[in-house]
Amino acid sequence: MMVKGKSRDIKPEPYERIHVECYSGYKANERPVAFTYQGQRREVAEIIDRWYEEGIDPTRPEIDYFKVKTTDGEVFLLRYLTLFNAWSIRT
């Protein structure tokens, strides 16, 4: 049963804020080169895939996604919200 004006199931955000070191070429924060997650610095060996979300809805900010492989062989999904200059990782 739903109580009017209250949400039953509030799920936590599946992304966690992180610090990312970036290559900046023709634009700032063009692509990640390293990031710190769980207290460990991880270098990006390869960008496996990248895409972005941007639609006609002005209330939704542009978001860049990077699926990366680290030098240790781990794969992570990083997200960059350009409006807030904020990086996060899928947890």
PDB file of N, CA and C in Angstrom:
ATOM      1  N   MET A   1       0.840  -1.172   0.000  1.00  0.00           N
ATOM      2  CA  MET A   1       0.000   0.000   0.000  1.00  0.00           C
ATOM      3  C   MET A   1       0.883   1.232   0.000  1.00  0.00           C
ATOM      4  N   MET A   2       0.525   2.208  -0.799  1.00  0.00           N
ATOM      5  CA  MET A   2       1.292   3.443  -0.932  1.00  0.00           C
ATOM      6  C   MET A   2       0.629   4.528  -0.101  1.00  0.00           C
ATOM      7  N   VAL A   3       1.417   5.201   0.707  1.00  0.00           N
ATOM      8  CA  VAL A   3       0.915   6.308   1.502  1.00  0.00           C
ATOM      9  C   VAL A   3       1.069   7.567   0.674  1.00  0.00           C
ATOM     10  N   LYS A   4      -0.003   8.334   0.558  1.00  0.00           N
ATOM     11  CA  LYS A   4       0.013   9.523  -0.282  1.00  0.00           C
ATOM     12  C   LYS A   4       1.109  10.485   0.180  1.00  0.00           C
ATOM     13  N   GLY A   5       1.927  10.893  -0.799  1.00  0.00           N
ATOM     14  CA  GLY A   5       2.984  11.849  -0.515  1.00  0.00           C
ATOM     15  C   GLY A   5       4.268  11.236   0.007  1.00  0.00           C
ATOM     16  N   LYS A   6       4.299   9.918   0.174  1.00  0.00           N
ATOM     17  CA  LYS A   6       5.513   9.263   0.661  1.00  0.00           C
ATOM     18  C   LYS A   6       5.891   8.128  -0.280  1.00  0.00           C
ATOM     19  N   SER A   7       7.179   7.921  -0.425  1.00  0.00           N
ATOM     20  CA  SER A   7       7.679   6.851  -1.276  1.00  0.00           C
ATOM     21  C   SER A   7       8.011   5.641  -0.406  1.00  0.00           C
ATOM     22  N   ARG A   8       7.593   4.478  -0.852  1.00  0.00           N
ATOM     23  CA  ARG A   8       7.853   3.241  -0.102  1.00  0.00           C
ATOM     24  C   ARG A   8       9.286   2.767  -0.253  1.00  0.00           C
ATOM     25  N   ASP A   9       9.688   2.600  -1.458  1.00  0.00           N
ATOM     26  CA  ASP A   9      10.983   1.975  -1.730  1.00  0.00           C
ATOM     27  C   ASP A   9      11.942   2.994  -2.333  1.00  0.00           C
ATOM     28  N   ILE A  10      12.697   3.638  -1.476  1.00  0.00           N
ATOM     29  CA  ILE A  10      13.703   4.576  -1.962  1.00  0.00           C
ATOM     30  C   ILE A  10      14.993   3.794  -2.117  1.00  0.00           C
ATOM     31  N   LYS A  11      15.448   3.658  -3.355  1.00  0.00           N
ATOM     32  CA  LYS A  11      16.662   2.908  -3.632  1.00  0.00           C
ATOM     33  C   LYS A  11      17.842   3.866  -3.647  1.00  0.00           C
ATOM     34  N   PRO A  12      18.966   3.446  -3.102  1.00  0.00           N
ATOM     35  CA  PRO A  12      20.139   4.309  -3.140  1.00  0.00           C
ATOM     36  C   PRO A  12      20.656   4.467  -4.561  1.00  0.00           C
ATOM     37  N   GLU A  13      21.304   5.570  -4.808  1.00  0.00           N
ATOM     38  CA  GLU A  13      21.899   5.838  -6.114  1.00  0.00           C
ATOM     39  C   GLU A  13      22.926   4.744  -6.423  1.00  0.00           C
ATOM     40  N   PRO A  14      22.857   4.129  -7.618  1.00  0.00           N
ATOM     41  CA  PRO A  14      23.799   3.051  -7.928  1.00  0.00           C
ATOM     42  C   PRO A  14      25.191   3.555  -8.318  1.00  0.00           C
ATOM     43  N   TYR A  15      25.436   4.848  -8.160  1.00  0.00           N
ATOM     44  CA  TYR A  15      26.740   5.422  -8.476  1.00  0.00           C
ATOM     45  C   TYR A  15      27.336   6.054  -7.233  1.00  0.00           C
ATOM     46  N   GLU A  16      28.669   5.971  -7.122  1.00  0.00           N
ATOM     47  CA  GLU A  16      29.395   6.542  -5.997  1.00  0.00           C
ATOM     48  C   GLU A  16      30.372   7.588  -6.542  1.00  0.00           C
ATOM     49  N   ARG A  17      30.413   8.771  -5.923  1.00  0.00           N
ATOM     50  CA  ARG A  17      31.323   9.830  -6.375  1.00  0.00           C
ATOM     51  C   ARG A  17      32.768   9.390  -6.206  1.00  0.00           C
ATOM     52  N   ILE A  18      33.598   9.717  -7.195  1.00  0.00           N
ATOM     53  CA  ILE A  18      35.017   9.384  -7.138  1.00  0.00           C
ATOM     54  C   ILE A  18      35.839  10.529  -7.717  1.00  0.00           C
ATOM     55  N   HIS A  19      37.144  10.478  -7.453  1.00  0.00           N
ATOM     56  CA  HIS A  19      38.087  11.427  -8.048  1.00  0.00           C
ATOM     57  C   HIS A  19      38.667  10.791  -9.309  1.00  0.00           C
ATOM     58  N   VAL A  20      38.664  11.549 -10.414  1.00  0.00           N
ATOM     59  CA  VAL A  20      39.170  11.037 -11.685  1.00  0.00           C
ATOM     60  C   VAL A  20      40.205  12.004 -12.243  1.00  0.00           C
ATOM     61  N   GLU A  21      41.319  11.462 -12.714  1.00  0.00           N
ATOM     62  CA  GLU A  21      42.324  12.239 -13.431  1.00  0.00           C
ATOM     63  C   GLU A  21      42.008  12.092 -14.914  1.00  0.00           C
ATOM     64  N   CYS A  22      42.007  13.216 -15.626  1.00  0.00           N
ATOM     65  CA  CYS A  22      41.558  13.188 -17.014  1.00  0.00           C
ATOM     66  C   CYS A  22      42.585  13.747 -17.987  1.00  0.00           C
ATOM     67  N   TYR A  23      42.473  13.277 -19.208  1.00  0.00           N
ATOM     68  CA  TYR A  23      43.160  13.898 -20.335  1.00  0.00           C
ATOM     69  C   TYR A  23      42.222  14.994 -20.824  1.00  0.00           C
ATOM     70  N   SER A  24      42.761  16.168 -21.034  1.00  0.00           N
ATOM     71  CA  SER A  24      41.969  17.272 -21.572  1.00  0.00           C
ATOM     72  C   SER A  24      42.623  17.721 -22.868  1.00  0.00           C
ATOM     73  N   GLY A  25      41.968  17.452 -23.973  1.00  0.00           N
ATOM     74  CA  GLY A  25      42.469  17.824 -25.292  1.00  0.00           C
ATOM     75  C   GLY A  25      41.675  18.993 -25.825  1.00  0.00           C
ATOM     76  N   TYR A  26      40.798  18.711 -26.759  1.00  0.00           N
ATOM     77  CA  TYR A  26      39.987  19.779 -27.332  1.00  0.00           C
ATOM     78  C   TYR A  26      38.878  20.232 -26.387  1.00  0.00           C
ATOM     79  N   LYS A  27      38.613  19.449 -25.333  1.00  0.00           N
ATOM     80  CA  LYS A  27      37.654  19.870 -24.314  1.00  0.00           C
ATOM     81  C   LYS A  27      38.130  19.368 -22.948  1.00  0.00           C
ATOM     82  N   ALA A  28      37.653  20.001 -21.906  1.00  0.00           N
ATOM     83  CA  ALA A  28      38.031  19.613 -20.543  1.00  0.00           C
ATOM     84  C   ALA A  28      37.450  18.247 -20.209  1.00  0.00           C
ATOM     85  N   ASN A  29      38.189  17.475 -19.423  1.00  0.00           N
ATOM     86  CA  ASN A  29      37.738  16.148 -18.989  1.00  0.00           C
ATOM     87  C   ASN A  29      37.295  15.277 -20.160  1.00  0.00           C
ATOM     88  N   GLU A  30      38.123  15.264 -21.195  1.00  0.00           N
ATOM     89  CA  GLU A  30      37.787  14.533 -22.415  1.00  0.00           C
ATOM     90  C   GLU A  30      37.668  13.028 -22.197  1.00  0.00           C
ATOM     91  N   ARG A  31      38.612  12.481 -21.395  1.00  0.00           N
ATOM     92  CA  ARG A  31      38.555  11.046 -21.106  1.00  0.00           C
ATOM     93  C   ARG A  31      39.352  10.752 -19.839  1.00  0.00           C
ATOM     94  N   PRO A  32      38.945   9.725 -19.090  1.00  0.00           N
ATOM     95  CA  PRO A  32      39.659   9.384 -17.858  1.00  0.00           C
ATOM     96  C   PRO A  32      40.980   8.662 -18.156  1.00  0.00           C
ATOM     97  N   VAL A  33      42.008   8.966 -17.362  1.00  0.00           N
ATOM     98  CA  VAL A  33      43.289   8.261 -17.477  1.00  0.00           C
ATOM     99  C   VAL A  33      43.605   7.492 -16.198  1.00  0.00           C
ATOM    100  N   ALA A  34      43.020   7.917 -15.076  1.00  0.00           N
ATOM    101  CA  ALA A  34      43.181   7.220 -13.791  1.00  0.00           C
ATOM    102  C   ALA A  34      42.075   7.686 -12.860  1.00  0.00           C
ATOM    103  N   PHE A  35      41.784   6.868 -11.848  1.00  0.00           N
ATOM    104  CA  PHE A  35      40.768   7.239 -10.864  1.00  0.00           C
ATOM    105  C   PHE A  35      41.066   6.570  -9.540  1.00  0.00           C
ATOM    106  N   THR A  36      40.535   7.137  -8.472  1.00  0.00           N
ATOM    107  CA  THR A  36      40.709   6.582  -7.139  1.00  0.00           C
ATOM    108  C   THR A  36      39.375   6.015  -6.677  1.00  0.00           C
ATOM    109  N   TYR A  37      39.391   4.728  -6.341  1.00  0.00           N
ATOM    110  CA  TYR A  37      38.181   4.038  -5.897  1.00  0.00           C
ATOM    111  C   TYR A  37      38.554   3.129  -4.741  1.00  0.00           C
ATOM    112  N   GLN A  38      37.811   3.213  -3.660  1.00  0.00           N
ATOM    113  CA  GLN A  38      38.051   2.433  -2.451  1.00  0.00           C
ATOM    114  C   GLN A  38      39.487   2.621  -1.953  1.00  0.00           C
ATOM    115  N   GLY A  39      39.956   3.868  -2.029  1.00  0.00           N
ATOM    116  CA  GLY A  39      41.272   4.224  -1.529  1.00  0.00           C
ATOM    117  C   GLY A  39      42.440   3.788  -2.390  1.00  0.00           C
ATOM    118  N   GLN A  40      42.164   3.242  -3.563  1.00  0.00           N
ATOM    119  CA  GLN A  40      43.221   2.749  -4.446  1.00  0.00           C
ATOM    120  C   GLN A  40      43.197   3.483  -5.778  1.00  0.00           C
ATOM    121  N   ARG A  41      44.372   3.966  -6.203  1.00  0.00           N
ATOM    122  CA  ARG A  41      44.478   4.622  -7.509  1.00  0.00           C
ATOM    123  C   ARG A  41      44.571   3.544  -8.583  1.00  0.00           C
ATOM    124  N   ARG A  42      43.753   3.681  -9.606  1.00  0.00           N
ATOM    125  CA  ARG A  42      43.714   2.702 -10.696  1.00  0.00           C
ATOM    126  C   ARG A  42      43.937   3.440 -12.017  1.00  0.00           C
ATOM    127  N   GLU A  43      44.878   2.941 -12.804  1.00  0.00           N
ATOM    128  CA  GLU A  43      45.169   3.541 -14.105  1.00  0.00           C
ATOM    129  C   GLU A  43      44.319   2.881 -15.181  1.00  0.00           C
ATOM    130  N   VAL A  44      43.817   3.704 -16.090  1.00  0.00           N
ATOM    131  CA  VAL A  44      43.005   3.208 -17.200  1.00  0.00           C
ATOM    132  C   VAL A  44      43.941   2.741 -18.307  1.00  0.00           C
ATOM    133  N   ALA A  45      43.852   1.471 -18.650  1.00  0.00           N
ATOM    134  CA  ALA A  45      44.657   0.905 -19.725  1.00  0.00           C
ATOM    135  C   ALA A  45      43.941   1.021 -21.064  1.00  0.00           C
ATOM    136  N   GLU A  46      42.597   0.950 -21.008  1.00  0.00           N
ATOM    137  CA  GLU A  46      41.811   0.933 -22.248  1.00  0.00           C
ATOM    138  C   GLU A  46      40.413   1.450 -21.986  1.00  0.00           C
ATOM    139  N   ILE A  47      39.908   2.228 -22.920  1.00  0.00           N
ATOM    140  CA  ILE A  47      38.491   2.600 -22.902  1.00  0.00           C
ATOM    141  C   ILE A  47      37.797   1.604 -23.823  1.00  0.00           C
ATOM    142  N   ILE A  48      37.021   0.730 -23.218  1.00  0.00           N
ATOM    143  CA  ILE A  48      36.350  -0.336 -23.958  1.00  0.00           C
ATOM    144  C   ILE A  48      35.194   0.227 -24.783  1.00  0.00           C
ATOM    145  N   ASP A  49      34.447   1.141 -24.170  1.00  0.00           N
ATOM    146  CA  ASP A  49      33.276   1.731 -24.837  1.00  0.00           C
ATOM    147  C   ASP A  49      33.028   3.094 -24.217  1.00  0.00           C
ATOM    148  N   ARG A  50      32.378   3.948 -24.966  1.00  0.00           N
ATOM    149  CA  ARG A  50      31.970   5.246 -24.441  1.00  0.00           C
ATOM    150  C   ARG A  50      30.723   5.702 -25.169  1.00  0.00           C
ATOM    151  N   TRP A  51      29.845   6.379 -24.446  1.00  0.00           N
ATOM    152  CA  TRP A  51      28.614   6.893 -25.008  1.00  0.00           C
ATOM    153  C   TRP A  51      28.141   8.056 -24.150  1.00  0.00           C
ATOM    154  N   TYR A  52      27.115   8.732 -24.607  1.00  0.00           N
ATOM    155  CA  TYR A  52      26.595   9.849 -23.826  1.00  0.00           C
ATOM    156  C   TYR A  52      25.090   9.896 -23.922  1.00  0.00           C
ATOM    157  N   GLU A  53      24.503  10.533 -22.908  1.00  0.00           N
ATOM    158  CA  GLU A  53      23.056  10.788 -22.893  1.00  0.00           C
ATOM    159  C   GLU A  53      22.863  12.280 -23.012  1.00  0.00           C
ATOM    160  N   GLU A  54      22.060  12.660 -23.949  1.00  0.00           N
ATOM    161  CA  GLU A  54      21.672  14.056 -24.085  1.00  0.00           C
ATOM    162  C   GLU A  54      20.411  14.055 -24.915  1.00  0.00           C
ATOM    163  N   GLY A  55      19.393  14.592 -24.362  1.00  0.00           N
ATOM    164  CA  GLY A  55      18.129  14.567 -25.078  1.00  0.00           C
ATOM    165  C   GLY A  55      17.549  15.955 -25.244  1.00  0.00           C
ATOM    166  N   ILE A  56      16.305  15.980 -25.623  1.00  0.00           N
ATOM    167  CA  ILE A  56      15.642  17.263 -25.822  1.00  0.00           C
ATOM    168  C   ILE A  56      15.066  17.817 -24.526  1.00  0.00           C
ATOM    169  N   ASP A  57      15.101  17.015 -23.468  1.00  0.00           N
ATOM    170  CA  ASP A  57      14.605  17.453 -22.164  1.00  0.00           C
ATOM    171  C   ASP A  57      15.663  18.327 -21.486  1.00  0.00           C
ATOM    172  N   PRO A  58      15.409  19.632 -21.361  1.00  0.00           N
ATOM    173  CA  PRO A  58      16.410  20.536 -20.784  1.00  0.00           C
ATOM    174  C   PRO A  58      16.647  20.327 -19.287  1.00  0.00           C
ATOM    175  N   THR A  59      15.786  19.565 -18.632  1.00  0.00           N
ATOM    176  CA  THR A  59      15.966  19.327 -17.199  1.00  0.00           C
ATOM    177  C   THR A  59      16.953  18.190 -16.931  1.00  0.00           C
ATOM    178  N   ARG A  60      17.339  17.462 -17.961  1.00  0.00           N
ATOM    179  CA  ARG A  60      18.296  16.360 -17.806  1.00  0.00           C
ATOM    180  C   ARG A  60      19.659  16.809 -18.306  1.00  0.00           C
ATOM    181  N   PRO A  61      20.671  16.744 -17.451  1.00  0.00           N
ATOM    182  CA  PRO A  61      22.008  17.175 -17.869  1.00  0.00           C
ATOM    183  C   PRO A  61      22.664  16.177 -18.814  1.00  0.00           C
ATOM    184  N   GLU A  62      23.655  16.658 -19.555  1.00  0.00           N
ATOM    185  CA  GLU A  62      24.442  15.781 -20.420  1.00  0.00           C
ATOM    186  C   GLU A  62      25.288  14.868 -19.535  1.00  0.00           C
ATOM    187  N   ILE A  63      25.327  13.590 -19.889  1.00  0.00           N
ATOM    188  CA  ILE A  63      26.097  12.602 -19.120  1.00  0.00           C
ATOM    189  C   ILE A  63      26.964  11.804 -20.080  1.00  0.00           C
ATOM    190  N   ASP A  64      28.260  11.723 -19.775  1.00  0.00           N
ATOM    191  CA  ASP A  64      29.194  10.907 -20.547  1.00  0.00           C
ATOM    192  C   ASP A  64      29.488   9.636 -19.760  1.00  0.00           C
ATOM    193  N   TYR A  65      29.495   8.499 -20.447  1.00  0.00           N
ATOM    194  CA  TYR A  65      29.788   7.210 -19.833  1.00  0.00           C
ATOM    195  C   TYR A  65      31.049   6.629 -20.457  1.00  0.00           C
ATOM    196  N   PHE A  66      31.867   5.988 -19.627  1.00  0.00           N
ATOM    197  CA  PHE A  66      33.089   5.342 -20.080  1.00  0.00           C
ATOM    198  C   PHE A  66      33.175   3.961 -19.445  1.00  0.00           C
ATOM    199  N   LYS A  67      33.212   2.930 -20.261  1.00  0.00           N
ATOM    200  CA  LYS A  67      33.472   1.583 -19.767  1.00  0.00           C
ATOM    201  C   LYS A  67      34.963   1.383 -19.946  1.00  0.00           C
ATOM    202  N   VAL A  68      35.688   1.226 -18.818  1.00  0.00           N
ATOM    203  CA  VAL A  68      37.146   1.204 -18.868  1.00  0.00           C
ATOM    204  C   VAL A  68      37.709  -0.091 -18.299  1.00  0.00           C
ATOM    205  N   LYS A  69      38.895  -0.437 -18.785  1.00  0.00           N
ATOM    206  CA  LYS A  69      39.655  -1.560 -18.230  1.00  0.00           C
ATOM    207  C   LYS A  69      40.909  -0.967 -17.617  1.00  0.00           C
ATOM    208  N   THR A  70      41.209  -1.367 -16.381  1.00  0.00           N
ATOM    209  CA  THR A  70      42.388  -0.860 -15.691  1.00  0.00           C
ATOM    210  C   THR A  70      43.615  -1.690 -16.055  1.00  0.00           C
ATOM    211  N   THR A  71      44.782  -1.208 -15.636  1.00  0.00           N
ATOM    212  CA  THR A  71      46.018  -1.944 -15.889  1.00  0.00           C
ATOM    213  C   THR A  71      46.020  -3.285 -15.158  1.00  0.00           C
ATOM    214  N   ASP A  72      45.181  -3.432 -14.128  1.00  0.00           N
ATOM    215  CA  ASP A  72      45.039  -4.702 -13.398  1.00  0.00           C
ATOM    216  C   ASP A  72      44.027  -5.642 -14.059  1.00  0.00           C
ATOM    217  N   GLY A  73      43.394  -5.189 -15.142  1.00  0.00           N
ATOM    218  CA  GLY A  73      42.431  -6.030 -15.853  1.00  0.00           C
ATOM    219  C   GLY A  73      41.002  -5.928 -15.361  1.00  0.00           C
ATOM    220  N   GLU A  74      40.745  -5.035 -14.387  1.00  0.00           N
ATOM    221  CA  GLU A  74      39.374  -4.862 -13.888  1.00  0.00           C
ATOM    222  C   GLU A  74      38.597  -3.947 -14.833  1.00  0.00           C
ATOM    223  N   VAL A  75      37.279  -4.155 -14.906  1.00  0.00           N
ATOM    224  CA  VAL A  75      36.420  -3.352 -15.768  1.00  0.00           C
ATOM    225  C   VAL A  75      35.458  -2.553 -14.895  1.00  0.00           C
ATOM    226  N   PHE A  76      35.336  -1.254 -15.190  1.00  0.00           N
ATOM    227  CA  PHE A  76      34.474  -0.360 -14.425  1.00  0.00           C
ATOM    228  C   PHE A  76      33.662   0.515 -15.376  1.00  0.00           C
ATOM    229  N   LEU A  77      32.520   0.983 -14.890  1.00  0.00           N
ATOM    230  CA  LEU A  77      31.702   1.942 -15.617  1.00  0.00           C
ATOM    231  C   LEU A  77      31.784   3.285 -14.888  1.00  0.00           C
ATOM    232  N   LEU A  78      32.354   4.277 -15.575  1.00  0.00           N
ATOM    233  CA  LEU A  78      32.486   5.626 -15.025  1.00  0.00           C
ATOM    234  C   LEU A  78      31.478   6.539 -15.697  1.00  0.00           C
ATOM    235  N   ARG A  79      30.993   7.515 -14.934  1.00  0.00           N
ATOM    236  CA  ARG A  79      29.986   8.455 -15.442  1.00  0.00           C
ATOM    237  C   ARG A  79      30.445   9.874 -15.118  1.00  0.00           C
ATOM    238  N   TYR A  80      30.318  10.777 -16.096  1.00  0.00           N
ATOM    239  CA  TYR A  80      30.696  12.178 -15.902  1.00  0.00           C
ATOM    240  C   TYR A  80      29.491  13.071 -16.187  1.00  0.00           C
ATOM    241  N   LEU A  81      29.049  13.805 -15.154  1.00  0.00           N
ATOM    242  CA  LEU A  81      27.964  14.764 -15.319  1.00  0.00           C
ATOM    243  C   LEU A  81      28.587  16.126 -15.587  1.00  0.00           C
ATOM    244  N   THR A  82      28.485  16.580 -16.822  1.00  0.00           N
ATOM    245  CA  THR A  82      29.157  17.814 -17.225  1.00  0.00           C
ATOM    246  C   THR A  82      28.625  19.030 -16.479  1.00  0.00           C
ATOM    247  N   LEU A  83      27.350  19.086 -16.218  1.00  0.00           N
ATOM    248  CA  LEU A  83      26.741  20.228 -15.553  1.00  0.00           C
ATOM    249  C   LEU A  83      27.333  20.454 -14.163  1.00  0.00           C
ATOM    250  N   PHE A  84      27.640  19.384 -13.461  1.00  0.00           N
ATOM    251  CA  PHE A  84      28.154  19.465 -12.099  1.00  0.00           C
ATOM    252  C   PHE A  84      29.658  19.200 -12.008  1.00  0.00           C
ATOM    253  N   ASN A  85      30.295  18.920 -13.159  1.00  0.00           N
ATOM    254  CA  ASN A  85      31.721  18.585 -13.187  1.00  0.00           C
ATOM    255  C   ASN A  85      32.007  17.477 -12.170  1.00  0.00           C
ATOM    256  N   ALA A  86      31.190  16.422 -12.195  1.00  0.00           N
ATOM    257  CA  ALA A  86      31.256  15.371 -11.190  1.00  0.00           C
ATOM    258  C   ALA A  86      31.388  13.997 -11.831  1.00  0.00           C
ATOM    259  N   TRP A  87      32.348  13.221 -11.322  1.00  0.00           N
ATOM    260  CA  TRP A  87      32.553  11.845 -11.765  1.00  0.00           C
ATOM    261  C   TRP A  87      31.996  10.879 -10.728  1.00  0.00           C
ATOM    262  N   SER A  88      31.505   9.742 -11.207  1.00  0.00           N
ATOM    263  CA  SER A  88      31.037   8.698 -10.310  1.00  0.00           C
ATOM    264  C   SER A  88      31.295   7.337 -10.960  1.00  0.00           C
ATOM    265  N   ILE A  89      31.194   6.301 -10.133  1.00  0.00           N
ATOM    266  CA  ILE A  89      31.442   4.936 -10.600  1.00  0.00           C
ATOM    267  C   ILE A  89      30.229   4.086 -10.263  1.00  0.00           C
ATOM    268  N   ARG A  90      29.906   3.154 -11.138  1.00  0.00           N
ATOM    269  CA  ARG A  90      28.784   2.248 -10.908  1.00  0.00           C
ATOM    270  C   ARG A  90      29.161   1.269  -9.802  1.00  0.00           C
ATOM    271  N   THR A  91      28.341   1.185  -8.774  1.00  0.00           N
ATOM    272  CA  THR A  91      28.641   0.283  -7.659  1.00  0.00           C
ATOM    273  C   THR A  91      27.691  -0.895  -7.657  1.00  0.00           C
TER     274      THR A  91
END
